[in-house]
């Protein structure tokens, strides 16, 4: 573990493990997915793993202010935890957050406070999140979207957002898997 991940895991655990044990399992699974794609991330592998384990801290009852967990989590990381700026930005923009922010009337705040990281890293975090069940097990993005829509209901804000985001979620997964396949074809 690097210094960044050594800091991220206990912080995420302190915010999620007790009040939201299932969310904590999911976050650990997302971090595990991040480790599986580390070879395509180069020097950003540790950054992605830290963002992966922290991506859902905004659900913590102690942090939830706006009800929009990417923004609540990123603001906590900036204002209280004084986190690495790139980790904050990834948490703020994970898994098509801009679409949900738009539906909540928070897009200007999100994008004004937290710049987006590179498309490759945004894709990678989306891949990790949407290929992990709520219990931290591997899945695929179609089943994950269906699970989310079913849990929240098709007419809820989250249900509508996740269906709108589904094509981009699937495209992000495809782009990551293409990068993994290309890396595996490289001669040693």
Foldseek 3Di string as FASTA:
>chain_A
DDPLQVVQQVVLCVQDCPPPVLQQLLLVLLLVLLVVLLVLVPPCSSVLSSLSSQLQSLVRPVQPDLVLSLVSSLCCCVPPVVHDLQSSQLSLCAQNSLLLCVLSVNNCVSCVVHPHDDPLSNLSSLLSNQQAASNSDGHHNVVSLVVQCVVQDCPDSRNVSSVVSSVVSNVSNVVSVVSVVVSVPDDD
